[in-house]
């Protein structure tokens, strides 16, 4: 009898052990994830390489002459790099227009595109074009065919001292000057020093404009701000200086000055190939280095890559160091204290009210919003009619469940309130920056005059009747990839309460959605399996001693 009881106990323990082993399967898979082929391939594809320097520009005789302006430096550059300006003239960094849309539609910053940050460029050229890679774009008379107007230095100088004047139409300060907007002092460049320092673009070169887009640090993109100048790998595993230490151009590869990655109506990446399949492709998709099966073979995450973007799991929050602007209400602008503009800062050290700009909301560690996305973003312009009865979606991602190129992707959604034409039912372009008497809002404090002036400069209609309307604007989240230990767990999405994908409908997601028939059938299968295992075990226990004589 003692032997029989012992055998029953052993069988019982075996059943429990089997059930327990199932519960550990996911943990076991994760523990060996570092062996995933996708990770090995990424390490191979992104292995540190020596970038050989074949020229010391400080030794070039033509750069020894005395320079007094940017165009003079550019002319010297072109004496060797004879095709560079011609190439650059064909890029979006030069035109600020979508090259794949008919010119008459004027899609882009230089056209009639609208946002809910600084709204639009026309009418405020000298301020907005301070980030243009050119010299002297102060109005519509700018000569886009002039090769010497190309600013080679803003992308290539390596001293870190080259700065454009914030209202200089792309020009640095011609003499020591103070910009009233930030009270900072700007000095003219040491032209020879910066010209002789040129090299491959660094984060500093790119970030000078892209980290401060929309009017300040972290205003525009939630995943691009000054914290990425010298990040650690906790902030970004690719750019971290204590990790891979990638510069922007490591992934945003370049061909004839065309830099991969900008999205308008045309996707930034037209295919999802890896470097193993084609070593000439642009390295701007995760698949380029990690392949479409980045996890351990047989692991569940690999089953998600056809419908879920890598960024959705691996960027759990954005703006993790510096805050980003989440809302901008232009309708409250213009309030003054003692007759003077004023600024009020909030808990995060950012202005929550500014006379020039109105009320603003900032946030850190922001959870993205999620949409189906195939790489294209559509947007309206100042010529497109809107429906004033509801918030205006200025731009939106293109994609759907049925689109094989679409993935569930993370976005920052910036919400705002901005002027629109009540008669024409279009979003209006204000003239913001300018001298007193010019109609510029920041000088004359008159919205009607600012909208009249801005519309005139942009070549759009303005009825004279305006109001303010709620708007939304999306930005894809791609940077600030967290270490794999910080990636999202299953329950972040597969849960009934607080699912990150609560807004996405039209499909069944286990754990999030409850359909009685499916739930009943699923639990039926589970209990049937458990019953089968237990019945078999019990049968073995009670039949083991039959026909045998116990001692």
Protein backbone atom coordinates (compact mmCIF):
# COMPACT_ATOMS: atom_id res chain seq x y z
CA UNK A 1 0.00 0.00 0.00
CA UNK A 2 2.84 2.35 0.77
CA UNK A 3 4.26 1.85 -2.74
CA UNK A 4 0.87 2.50 -4.30
CA UNK A 5 0.44 5.74 -2.36
CA UNK A 6 3.95 6.78 -3.34
CA UNK A 7 3.21 6.17 -7.04
CA UNK A 8 -0.03 8.18 -6.80
CA UNK A 9 1.89 11.03 -5.20
CA UNK A 10 4.53 10.93 -7.93
CA UNK A 11 1.90 11.04 -10.68
CA UNK A 12 0.18 13.96 -8.99
CA UNK A 13 3.46 15.86 -8.79
CA UNK A 14 4.12 15.14 -12.45
CA UNK A 15 0.77 16.65 -13.44
CA UNK A 16 1.46 19.77 -11.40
CA UNK A 17 4.95 19.99 -12.83
CA UNK A 18 3.58 19.83 -16.37
CA UNK A 19 1.17 22.66 -15.70
CA UNK A 20 3.90 24.71 -14.05
CA UNK A 21 6.24 24.17 -16.98
CA UNK A 22 3.67 25.61 -19.32
CA UNK A 23 3.50 28.78 -17.24
CA UNK A 24 7.27 29.17 -17.49
CA UNK A 25 7.43 28.81 -21.27
CA UNK A 26 7.18 32.54 -21.99
CA UNK A 27 9.83 33.31 -19.40
CA UNK A 28 12.15 30.73 -20.87
CA UNK A 29 11.72 32.14 -24.37
CA UNK A 30 12.51 35.65 -23.14
CA UNK A 31 15.60 34.50 -21.28
CA UNK A 32 17.07 33.21 -24.53
CA UNK A 33 15.96 36.14 -26.63
CA UNK A 34 19.51 37.39 -26.87
CA UNK A 35 20.14 34.42 -29.15
CA UNK A 36 17.52 35.58 -31.61
CA UNK A 37 18.77 35.61 -35.21
CA UNK A 38 17.34 39.11 -35.71
CA UNK A 39 19.57 40.44 -32.94
CA UNK A 40 22.63 38.71 -34.34
CA UNK A 41 21.88 40.10 -37.79
CA UNK A 42 21.50 43.62 -36.40
CA UNK A 43 24.83 43.35 -34.63
CA UNK A 44 26.39 42.27 -37.90
CA UNK A 45 24.71 44.98 -39.95
CA UNK A 46 25.52 47.77 -37.51
CA UNK A 47 28.99 46.73 -36.49
CA UNK A 48 31.21 49.71 -35.82
CA UNK A 49 33.13 50.70 -38.89
CA UNK A 50 36.03 53.05 -39.35
CA UNK A 51 35.06 56.03 -41.49
CA UNK A 52 38.27 56.78 -43.29
CA UNK A 53 39.06 60.45 -43.81
CA UNK A 54 40.86 61.06 -47.07
CA UNK A 55 41.09 64.83 -46.98
CA UNK A 56 42.13 67.39 -44.40
CA UNK A 57 40.24 70.52 -45.42
CA UNK A 58 42.48 72.68 -43.29
CA UNK A 59 45.23 71.96 -45.85
CA UNK A 60 43.20 72.96 -48.93
CA UNK A 61 44.68 76.14 -50.35
CA UNK A 62 41.33 77.51 -51.47
CA UNK A 63 40.09 77.47 -47.88
CA UNK A 64 43.05 79.55 -46.71
CA UNK A 65 41.63 82.75 -48.20
CA UNK A 66 39.77 85.23 -46.02
CA UNK A 67 35.99 84.70 -46.06
CA UNK A 68 33.41 87.26 -45.00
CA UNK A 69 30.16 85.48 -45.85
CA UNK A 70 28.55 82.08 -46.29
CA UNK A 71 28.14 82.30 -50.09
CA UNK A 72 31.90 82.94 -50.40
CA UNK A 73 32.58 79.70 -48.50
CA UNK A 74 30.07 77.79 -50.63
CA UNK A 75 31.74 79.06 -53.82
CA UNK A 76 35.04 77.69 -52.55
CA UNK A 77 33.40 74.34 -51.70
CA UNK A 78 31.96 74.08 -55.20
CA UNK A 79 35.39 74.49 -56.79
CA UNK A 80 36.01 70.85 -55.78
CA UNK A 81 32.52 69.51 -55.02
CA UNK A 82 31.23 70.71 -58.37
CA UNK A 83 27.93 68.78 -58.37
CA UNK A 84 26.98 69.17 -54.71
CA UNK A 85 24.77 72.26 -55.01
CA UNK A 86 22.95 70.88 -58.07
CA UNK A 87 22.18 67.72 -56.11
CA UNK A 88 21.07 69.65 -53.07
CA UNK A 89 18.74 71.86 -55.10
CA UNK A 90 16.66 68.73 -55.84
CA UNK A 91 16.16 67.83 -52.20
CA UNK A 92 13.35 68.65 -49.80
CA UNK A 93 15.88 70.30 -47.49
CA UNK A 94 16.23 72.98 -50.17
CA UNK A 95 12.73 73.28 -51.66
CA UNK A 96 10.65 72.62 -48.52
CA UNK A 97 8.05 71.11 -50.87
CA UNK A 98 6.88 67.54 -51.34
CA UNK A 99 8.60 66.41 -54.57
CA UNK A 100 5.97 63.75 -55.27
CA UNK A 101 2.98 66.08 -55.31
CA UNK A 102 2.05 68.39 -58.19
CA UNK A 103 3.73 71.80 -57.68
CA UNK A 104 0.44 73.67 -58.02
CA UNK A 105 -0.85 71.93 -54.88
CA UNK A 106 2.00 73.56 -52.91
CA UNK A 107 2.39 70.86 -50.26
CA UNK A 108 5.20 71.56 -47.80
CA UNK A 109 6.50 74.29 -45.51
CA UNK A 110 7.30 76.54 -48.46
CA UNK A 111 3.77 76.09 -49.78
CA UNK A 112 0.37 76.10 -48.13
CA UNK A 113 0.77 73.28 -45.64
CA UNK A 114 -0.68 74.03 -42.21
CA UNK A 115 0.29 72.85 -38.75
CA UNK A 116 -0.93 73.71 -35.24
CA UNK A 117 2.44 74.85 -33.92
CA UNK A 118 3.68 78.01 -35.63
CA UNK A 119 0.87 77.42 -38.20
CA UNK A 120 2.61 78.27 -41.51
CA UNK A 121 5.73 79.82 -42.94
CA UNK A 122 4.47 82.38 -45.51
CA UNK A 123 4.54 85.87 -44.05
CA UNK A 124 7.18 85.06 -41.45
CA UNK A 125 10.07 84.16 -43.74
CA UNK A 126 13.11 85.61 -41.88
CA UNK A 127 12.14 83.79 -38.68
CA UNK A 128 11.11 80.45 -40.17
CA UNK A 129 13.90 80.26 -42.73
CA UNK A 130 16.56 80.60 -40.04
CA UNK A 131 16.50 76.78 -40.21
CA UNK A 132 16.75 76.63 -44.01
CA UNK A 133 19.99 75.16 -45.38
CA UNK A 134 20.51 78.26 -47.43
CA UNK A 135 21.35 81.97 -47.20
CA UNK A 136 18.92 84.87 -47.57
CA UNK A 137 15.42 83.40 -48.00
CA UNK A 138 13.65 86.51 -46.68
CA UNK A 139 10.71 86.66 -49.10
CA UNK A 140 9.33 85.22 -52.33
CA UNK A 141 12.15 86.80 -54.37
CA UNK A 142 14.67 84.22 -53.11
CA UNK A 143 16.67 82.75 -56.01
CA UNK A 144 16.45 78.96 -55.61
CA UNK A 145 18.72 78.46 -58.64
CA UNK A 146 21.72 80.26 -57.11
CA UNK A 147 24.21 77.57 -56.12
CA UNK A 148 26.16 79.89 -53.83
CA UNK A 149 23.04 80.31 -51.68
CA UNK A 150 23.41 76.71 -50.45
CA UNK A 151 24.65 76.58 -46.84
CA UNK A 152 27.18 73.72 -46.79
CA UNK A 153 28.37 74.59 -43.28
CA UNK A 154 25.14 74.08 -41.36
CA UNK A 155 25.29 70.34 -42.15
CA UNK A 156 29.05 69.78 -42.35
CA UNK A 157 30.99 72.10 -40.03
CA UNK A 158 32.43 70.35 -36.97
CA UNK A 159 33.52 73.15 -34.62
CA UNK A 160 30.09 73.40 -33.00
CA UNK A 161 30.36 77.20 -33.09
CA UNK A 162 28.46 77.90 -36.30
CA UNK A 163 25.05 79.42 -35.57
CA UNK A 164 22.44 81.11 -37.68
CA UNK A 165 20.75 84.25 -36.39
CA UNK A 166 17.16 83.35 -35.29
CA UNK A 167 15.65 86.02 -37.54
CA UNK A 168 18.33 86.18 -40.20
CA UNK A 169 16.63 84.34 -43.07
CA UNK A 170 19.26 81.61 -42.88
CA UNK A 171 22.23 83.93 -42.41
CA UNK A 172 24.48 83.99 -39.34
CA UNK A 173 24.82 87.27 -37.50
CA UNK A 174 26.91 89.72 -39.59
CA UNK A 175 28.14 91.29 -36.34
CA UNK A 176 27.66 90.68 -32.63
CA UNK A 177 23.90 90.98 -32.09
CA UNK A 178 21.30 90.25 -29.40
CA UNK A 179 18.08 88.52 -30.47
CA UNK A 180 15.16 90.07 -28.57
CA UNK A 181 13.17 86.84 -28.63
CA UNK A 182 15.54 84.94 -26.32
CA UNK A 183 17.92 87.70 -25.21
CA UNK A 184 20.89 85.62 -26.41
CA UNK A 185 23.98 87.11 -28.01
CA UNK A 186 25.05 85.88 -31.45
CA UNK A 187 28.49 86.41 -32.96
CA UNK A 188 29.58 86.22 -36.60
CA UNK A 189 31.27 82.91 -37.47
CA UNK A 190 35.00 82.44 -37.73
CA UNK A 191 34.50 81.63 -41.39
CA UNK A 192 37.90 80.11 -42.08
CA UNK A 193 37.84 77.97 -38.96
CA UNK A 194 34.42 76.49 -39.65
CA UNK A 195 35.13 76.03 -43.38
CA UNK A 196 38.27 74.04 -42.67
CA UNK A 197 36.51 71.80 -40.12
CA UNK A 198 33.95 70.20 -42.43
CA UNK A 199 33.16 66.49 -42.25
CA UNK A 200 30.25 63.99 -42.13
CA UNK A 201 27.11 65.37 -40.46
CA UNK A 202 26.74 64.62 -36.75
CA UNK A 203 23.81 64.70 -34.33
CA UNK A 204 24.77 68.29 -33.57
CA UNK A 205 24.43 69.28 -37.22
CA UNK A 206 21.03 67.63 -37.65
CA UNK A 207 19.72 68.51 -34.22
CA UNK A 208 20.43 72.22 -34.59
CA UNK A 209 17.21 72.41 -36.60
CA UNK A 210 15.35 69.16 -36.05
CA UNK A 211 15.50 69.16 -32.24
CA UNK A 212 14.10 72.69 -32.09
CA UNK A 213 11.42 72.59 -34.80
CA UNK A 214 8.08 74.29 -34.27
CA UNK A 215 9.45 77.08 -32.11
CA UNK A 216 11.65 75.49 -29.45
CA UNK A 217 13.23 72.44 -27.83
CA UNK A 218 10.86 69.47 -27.95
CA UNK A 219 7.95 71.50 -29.29
CA UNK A 220 7.33 69.61 -32.50
CA UNK A 221 8.48 66.00 -32.29
CA UNK A 222 8.02 64.13 -29.06
CA UNK A 223 10.92 61.82 -29.87
CA UNK A 224 13.37 64.48 -31.08
CA UNK A 225 14.81 67.07 -28.72
CA UNK A 226 18.11 68.26 -27.27
CA UNK A 227 18.33 65.24 -24.94
CA UNK A 228 19.48 63.29 -28.02
CA UNK A 229 22.57 65.44 -28.46
CA UNK A 230 24.42 63.27 -25.93
CA UNK A 231 21.99 60.52 -24.93
CA UNK A 232 22.68 57.37 -22.96
CA UNK A 233 21.39 54.00 -24.11
CA UNK A 234 18.56 54.14 -21.57
CA UNK A 235 17.11 56.94 -23.67
CA UNK A 236 17.98 55.47 -27.05
CA UNK A 237 19.73 52.13 -27.54
CA UNK A 238 21.00 53.15 -30.98
CA UNK A 239 22.15 56.70 -30.30
CA UNK A 240 23.35 56.18 -26.73
CA UNK A 241 26.93 57.34 -26.30
CA UNK A 242 27.52 54.44 -23.90
CA UNK A 243 26.16 52.05 -26.52
CA UNK A 244 26.23 52.08 -30.32
CA UNK A 245 26.58 55.89 -30.43
CA UNK A 246 24.94 56.21 -33.86
CA UNK A 247 24.77 59.55 -35.61
CA UNK A 248 21.58 60.38 -37.49
CA UNK A 249 23.12 59.52 -40.87
CA UNK A 250 23.87 55.98 -39.67
CA UNK A 251 20.23 55.14 -40.34
CA UNK A 252 19.11 58.11 -42.44
CA UNK A 253 21.35 57.12 -45.29
CA UNK A 254 22.04 59.55 -48.11
CA UNK A 255 22.19 59.31 -51.89
CA UNK A 256 23.18 62.42 -53.86
CA UNK A 257 22.22 64.55 -50.84
CA UNK A 258 18.77 62.93 -50.74
CA UNK A 259 18.36 61.94 -47.09
CA UNK A 260 16.07 59.00 -46.45
CA UNK A 261 13.26 59.26 -43.97
CA UNK A 262 10.98 62.24 -44.63
CA UNK A 263 7.31 61.35 -44.92
CA UNK A 264 4.64 63.24 -46.73
CA UNK A 265 2.20 61.48 -49.02
CA UNK A 266 4.97 59.12 -50.14
CA UNK A 267 6.22 56.55 -47.61
CA UNK A 268 9.75 57.03 -46.32
CA UNK A 269 10.45 53.38 -47.10
CA UNK A 270 8.71 51.70 -50.02
CA UNK A 271 9.67 48.17 -49.03
CA UNK A 272 10.60 46.19 -45.95
CA UNK A 273 13.85 44.56 -46.96
CA UNK A 274 16.80 43.75 -44.74
CA UNK A 275 20.42 44.46 -45.49
CA UNK A 276 20.86 40.74 -46.00
CA UNK A 277 18.49 40.92 -48.95
CA UNK A 278 19.76 44.20 -50.34
CA UNK A 279 22.77 45.98 -48.85
CA UNK A 280 22.02 49.21 -50.75
CA UNK A 281 18.66 49.95 -49.14
CA UNK A 282 18.09 52.89 -46.83
CA UNK A 283 18.55 51.89 -43.19
CA UNK A 284 15.49 53.69 -41.87
CA UNK A 285 13.26 50.74 -41.05
CA UNK A 286 13.77 48.34 -38.19
CA UNK A 287 13.66 45.45 -40.67
CA UNK A 288 16.71 46.84 -42.45
CA UNK A 289 18.95 45.61 -39.65
CA UNK A 290 16.78 43.38 -37.48
CA UNK A 291 14.88 41.52 -40.27
CA UNK A 292 11.15 40.76 -40.08
CA UNK A 293 11.75 37.98 -37.50
CA UNK A 294 13.84 39.74 -34.85
CA UNK A 295 12.97 37.42 -31.97
CA UNK A 296 13.83 33.82 -31.13
CA UNK A 297 12.32 31.33 -33.63
CA UNK A 298 8.96 30.14 -32.44
CA UNK A 299 8.46 33.04 -30.04
CA UNK A 300 5.11 34.82 -30.04
CA UNK A 301 6.50 38.34 -30.71
CA UNK A 302 7.59 37.20 -34.20
CA UNK A 303 3.90 36.56 -34.97
CA UNK A 304 3.20 40.27 -34.42
CA UNK A 305 5.64 41.85 -36.88
CA UNK A 306 3.23 41.67 -39.82
CA UNK A 307 0.67 43.81 -37.97
CA UNK A 308 2.54 45.66 -35.21
CA UNK A 309 5.43 48.08 -35.79
CA UNK A 310 8.55 47.42 -33.75
CA UNK A 311 8.30 50.94 -32.33
CA UNK A 312 4.92 50.17 -30.75
CA UNK A 313 6.51 47.80 -28.24
CA UNK A 314 10.01 49.21 -28.03
CA UNK A 315 9.15 52.89 -27.48
CA UNK A 316 6.82 52.64 -24.46
CA UNK A 317 6.93 56.41 -23.83
CA UNK A 318 8.43 59.43 -25.56
CA UNK A 319 9.78 62.69 -24.12
CA UNK A 320 11.43 60.67 -21.37
CA UNK A 321 14.02 63.35 -20.45
CA UNK A 322 12.78 66.70 -21.76
CA UNK A 323 9.09 67.63 -21.90
CA UNK A 324 7.28 67.99 -25.21
CA UNK A 325 4.46 70.34 -26.09
CA UNK A 326 1.10 68.54 -26.31
CA UNK A 327 -1.32 71.45 -26.79
CA UNK A 328 -1.14 75.01 -28.09
CA UNK A 329 -4.10 77.40 -27.85
CA UNK A 330 -3.58 80.46 -30.04
CA UNK A 331 -6.96 81.93 -29.13
CA UNK A 332 -5.69 83.13 -25.74
CA UNK A 333 -2.64 84.95 -27.11
CA UNK A 334 -2.30 88.69 -26.66
CA UNK A 335 -2.88 89.04 -22.93
CA UNK A 336 -0.49 91.50 -21.25
CA UNK A 337 0.63 92.57 -17.79
CA UNK A 338 1.09 96.27 -17.23
CA UNK A 339 0.82 96.73 -20.97
CA UNK A 340 3.72 94.38 -21.68
CA UNK A 341 3.95 90.78 -22.95
CA UNK A 342 4.63 88.23 -20.23
CA UNK A 343 5.47 84.56 -19.82
CA UNK A 344 4.32 82.10 -17.14
CA UNK A 345 6.20 78.86 -16.53
CA UNK A 346 4.69 75.60 -15.28
CA UNK A 347 5.95 72.70 -13.17
CA UNK A 348 8.12 71.32 -15.97
CA UNK A 349 9.97 74.60 -16.42
CA UNK A 350 8.26 75.34 -19.74
CA UNK A 351 5.95 78.28 -20.49
CA UNK A 352 2.28 77.40 -19.95
CA UNK A 353 1.29 80.88 -21.06
CA UNK A 354 3.07 83.32 -23.33
CA UNK A 355 1.56 86.56 -24.65
CA UNK A 356 2.96 85.86 -28.12
CA UNK A 357 1.58 82.31 -28.33
CA UNK A 358 -1.24 81.74 -25.84
CA UNK A 359 -1.78 78.76 -23.52
CA UNK A 360 0.37 75.65 -23.83
CA UNK A 361 0.47 72.20 -22.22
CA UNK A 362 3.66 70.17 -21.79
CA UNK A 363 4.23 66.57 -20.69
CA UNK A 364 6.96 64.01 -20.02
CA UNK A 365 6.93 60.22 -20.33
CA UNK A 366 3.99 60.37 -22.71
CA UNK A 367 2.27 57.20 -23.89
CA UNK A 368 1.85 57.31 -27.68
CA UNK A 369 -1.46 57.04 -29.47
CA UNK A 370 -1.71 54.20 -31.99
CA UNK A 371 -2.96 54.08 -35.57
CA UNK A 372 -2.74 51.82 -38.60
CA UNK A 373 0.11 53.24 -40.69
CA UNK A 374 1.67 52.26 -44.03
CA UNK A 375 4.26 55.04 -44.09
CA UNK A 376 2.13 57.72 -45.77
CA UNK A 377 0.61 60.77 -44.12
CA UNK A 378 -2.04 62.89 -45.79
CA UNK A 379 -2.60 66.51 -44.86
CA UNK A 380 -4.79 69.46 -45.74
CA UNK A 381 -3.56 72.85 -46.91
CA UNK A 382 -4.84 76.39 -46.50
CA UNK A 383 -6.93 75.90 -49.66
CA UNK A 384 -8.85 72.87 -48.40
CA UNK A 385 -12.32 73.33 -46.91
CA UNK A 386 -12.92 72.17 -43.35
CA UNK A 387 -16.00 71.31 -41.29
CA UNK A 388 -16.17 73.91 -38.49
CA UNK A 389 -18.65 71.80 -36.52
CA UNK A 390 -15.93 69.42 -35.32
CA UNK A 391 -12.18 69.41 -34.58
CA UNK A 392 -10.02 69.49 -37.69
CA UNK A 393 -7.60 66.63 -38.35
CA UNK A 394 -4.88 68.58 -40.13
CA UNK A 395 -2.92 65.47 -41.06
CA UNK A 396 -3.45 61.78 -40.49
CA UNK A 397 -1.68 58.48 -41.05
CA UNK A 398 -2.75 56.31 -43.97
CA UNK A 399 -3.39 52.64 -43.31
CA UNK A 400 -5.90 50.00 -42.37
CA UNK A 401 -6.27 46.48 -41.04
CA UNK A 402 -6.67 45.17 -44.59
CA UNK A 403 -3.56 46.92 -45.95
CA UNK A 404 -0.65 44.41 -45.95
CA UNK A 405 1.84 47.28 -45.68
CA UNK A 406 0.17 48.78 -42.60
CA UNK A 407 1.35 48.27 -39.04
CA UNK A 408 -0.08 49.45 -35.72
CA UNK A 409 2.31 52.34 -35.05
CA UNK A 410 2.88 54.92 -32.28
CA UNK A 411 2.24 58.64 -32.72
CA UNK A 412 2.45 61.89 -30.85
CA UNK A 413 -0.80 63.78 -31.34
CA UNK A 414 -0.46 67.51 -30.80
CA UNK A 415 -3.74 69.31 -30.25
CA UNK A 416 -4.34 73.00 -30.66
CA UNK A 417 -6.70 75.85 -31.31
CA UNK A 418 -5.97 78.14 -34.23
CA UNK A 419 -7.64 80.71 -36.54
CA UNK A 420 -9.86 79.78 -39.44
CA UNK A 421 -11.88 81.71 -42.03
CA UNK A 422 -15.58 81.51 -41.10
CA UNK A 423 -16.80 82.30 -44.63
CA UNK A 424 -14.35 80.34 -46.78
CA UNK A 425 -14.17 77.55 -44.19
CA UNK A 426 -10.42 77.18 -44.44
CA UNK A 427 -7.60 77.28 -41.93
CA UNK A 428 -5.96 80.71 -42.06
CA UNK A 429 -2.32 81.69 -42.31
CA UNK A 430 -1.33 84.54 -39.98
CA UNK A 431 1.60 86.87 -40.39
CA UNK A 432 3.35 86.46 -37.03
CA UNK A 433 6.89 87.84 -37.21
CA UNK A 434 7.67 91.29 -38.52
CA UNK A 435 8.07 94.97 -37.82
CA UNK A 436 5.44 97.20 -36.21
CA UNK A 437 2.94 98.40 -38.77
CA UNK A 438 3.55 95.41 -41.05
CA UNK A 439 0.48 93.54 -39.84
CA UNK A 440 2.58 91.00 -37.95
CA UNK A 441 0.67 89.77 -34.91
CA UNK A 442 3.71 89.83 -32.62
CA UNK A 443 4.18 93.51 -33.44
CA UNK A 444 0.67 94.91 -33.92
CA UNK A 445 -1.41 92.49 -31.76
CA UNK A 446 -4.32 92.48 -34.20
CA UNK A 447 -5.50 89.08 -35.41
CA UNK A 448 -7.53 90.43 -38.32
CA UNK A 449 -4.61 92.44 -39.67
CA UNK A 450 -2.26 89.47 -39.13
CA UNK A 451 -4.58 87.13 -41.07
CA UNK A 452 -5.07 89.67 -43.87
CA UNK A 453 -1.33 90.16 -44.21
CA UNK A 454 -0.54 86.44 -43.97
CA UNK A 455 -3.16 85.49 -46.55
CA UNK A 456 -1.90 88.16 -48.92
CA UNK A 457 1.69 86.94 -48.65
CA UNK A 458 0.63 83.31 -49.08
CA UNK A 459 -1.71 84.04 -51.98
CA UNK A 460 -4.81 82.65 -50.27
CA UNK A 461 -8.30 84.10 -49.73
CA UNK A 462 -9.40 85.76 -46.50
CA UNK A 463 -12.97 86.94 -45.97
CA UNK A 464 -12.23 89.15 -42.98
CA UNK A 465 -14.34 86.98 -40.65
CA UNK A 466 -12.48 84.55 -38.45
CA UNK A 467 -12.69 82.45 -35.32
CA UNK A 468 -10.62 79.75 -33.64
CA UNK A 469 -11.08 76.00 -34.04
CA UNK A 470 -9.74 72.85 -32.37
CA UNK A 471 -7.21 70.91 -34.43
CA UNK A 472 -5.03 67.80 -34.19
CA UNK A 473 -1.67 67.00 -35.81
CA UNK A 474 0.20 63.66 -35.74
CA UNK A 475 3.89 62.83 -35.71
CA UNK A 476 5.24 59.26 -36.02
CA UNK A 477 7.31 58.12 -33.04
CA UNK A 478 10.52 56.39 -34.16
CA UNK A 479 13.35 57.60 -31.91
CA UNK A 480 14.00 57.02 -28.22
CA UNK A 481 14.02 53.24 -28.56
CA UNK A 482 14.24 51.85 -25.02
CA UNK A 483 16.36 48.88 -23.90
CA UNK A 484 14.60 45.57 -24.52
CA UNK A 485 14.03 45.14 -20.79
CA UNK A 486 11.80 48.23 -20.94
CA UNK A 487 9.70 47.04 -23.89
CA UNK A 488 5.97 46.61 -23.42
CA UNK A 489 4.50 43.51 -21.85
CA UNK A 490 1.57 41.64 -23.37
CA UNK A 491 -1.01 43.04 -20.93
CA UNK A 492 -0.31 46.62 -22.03
CA UNK A 493 -2.48 45.87 -25.06
CA UNK A 494 -4.13 42.53 -24.28
CA UNK A 495 -6.26 43.75 -21.39
CA UNK A 496 -9.83 44.93 -20.94
CA UNK A 497 -8.83 47.89 -18.81
CA UNK A 498 -6.45 50.56 -20.12
CA UNK A 499 -5.44 48.72 -23.28
CA UNK A 500 -3.11 50.88 -25.36
CA UNK A 501 -5.02 49.79 -28.44
CA UNK A 502 -8.48 50.59 -27.11
CA UNK A 503 -9.11 53.01 -29.99
CA UNK A 504 -8.44 50.44 -32.74
CA UNK A 505 -11.57 48.54 -33.70
CA UNK A 506 -12.65 46.05 -36.34
CA UNK A 507 -10.68 43.04 -35.12
CA UNK A 508 -10.68 40.67 -32.17
CA UNK A 509 -7.81 40.98 -29.70
CA UNK A 510 -7.51 38.31 -27.01
CA UNK A 511 -7.60 39.75 -23.54
CA UNK A 512 -8.99 43.10 -24.73
CA UNK A 513 -12.18 41.99 -26.42
CA UNK A 514 -14.87 39.73 -25.03
CA UNK A 515 -17.12 37.69 -27.33
CA UNK A 516 -19.13 35.13 -25.33
CA UNK A 517 -19.09 32.45 -28.02
CA UNK A 518 -15.32 32.70 -28.55
CA UNK A 519 -14.61 32.96 -24.83
CA UNK A 520 -16.84 29.93 -24.08
CA UNK A 521 -15.22 27.87 -26.83
CA UNK A 522 -11.72 28.88 -25.71
CA UNK A 523 -12.29 28.03 -22.07
CA UNK A 524 -13.98 24.81 -23.18
CA UNK A 525 -10.82 23.77 -25.02
CA UNK A 526 -8.67 24.67 -21.99
CA UNK A 527 -10.81 22.69 -19.54
CA UNK A 528 -11.10 19.75 -21.95
CA UNK A 529 -7.31 19.57 -22.21
CA UNK A 530 -6.89 19.77 -18.44
CA UNK A 531 -9.59 17.15 -17.93
CA UNK A 532 -7.95 14.83 -20.42
CA UNK A 533 -4.58 15.14 -18.67
CA UNK A 534 -6.10 14.61 -15.21
CA UNK A 535 -8.26 11.65 -16.29
CA UNK A 536 -5.27 10.00 -17.89
CA UNK A 537 -3.16 10.59 -14.78
CA UNK A 538 -5.86 9.28 -12.46
CA UNK A 539 -6.37 6.26 -14.65
CA UNK A 540 -2.70 5.48 -14.45
CA UNK A 541 -2.73 5.90 -10.69
CA UNK A 542 -5.64 3.54 -10.10
CA UNK A 543 -4.61 0.90 -12.61
CA UNK A 544 -0.92 0.74 -11.84
CA UNK A 545 -1.34 -1.74 -8.93
CA UNK A 546 -3.94 -4.03 -10.62
CA UNK A 547 -2.78 -7.60 -11.00
CA UNK A 548 0.22 -7.01 -8.80
CA UNK A 549 0.80 -8.32 -5.31
CA UNK A 550 1.99 -5.81 -2.86
CA UNK A 551 4.58 -6.93 -0.33
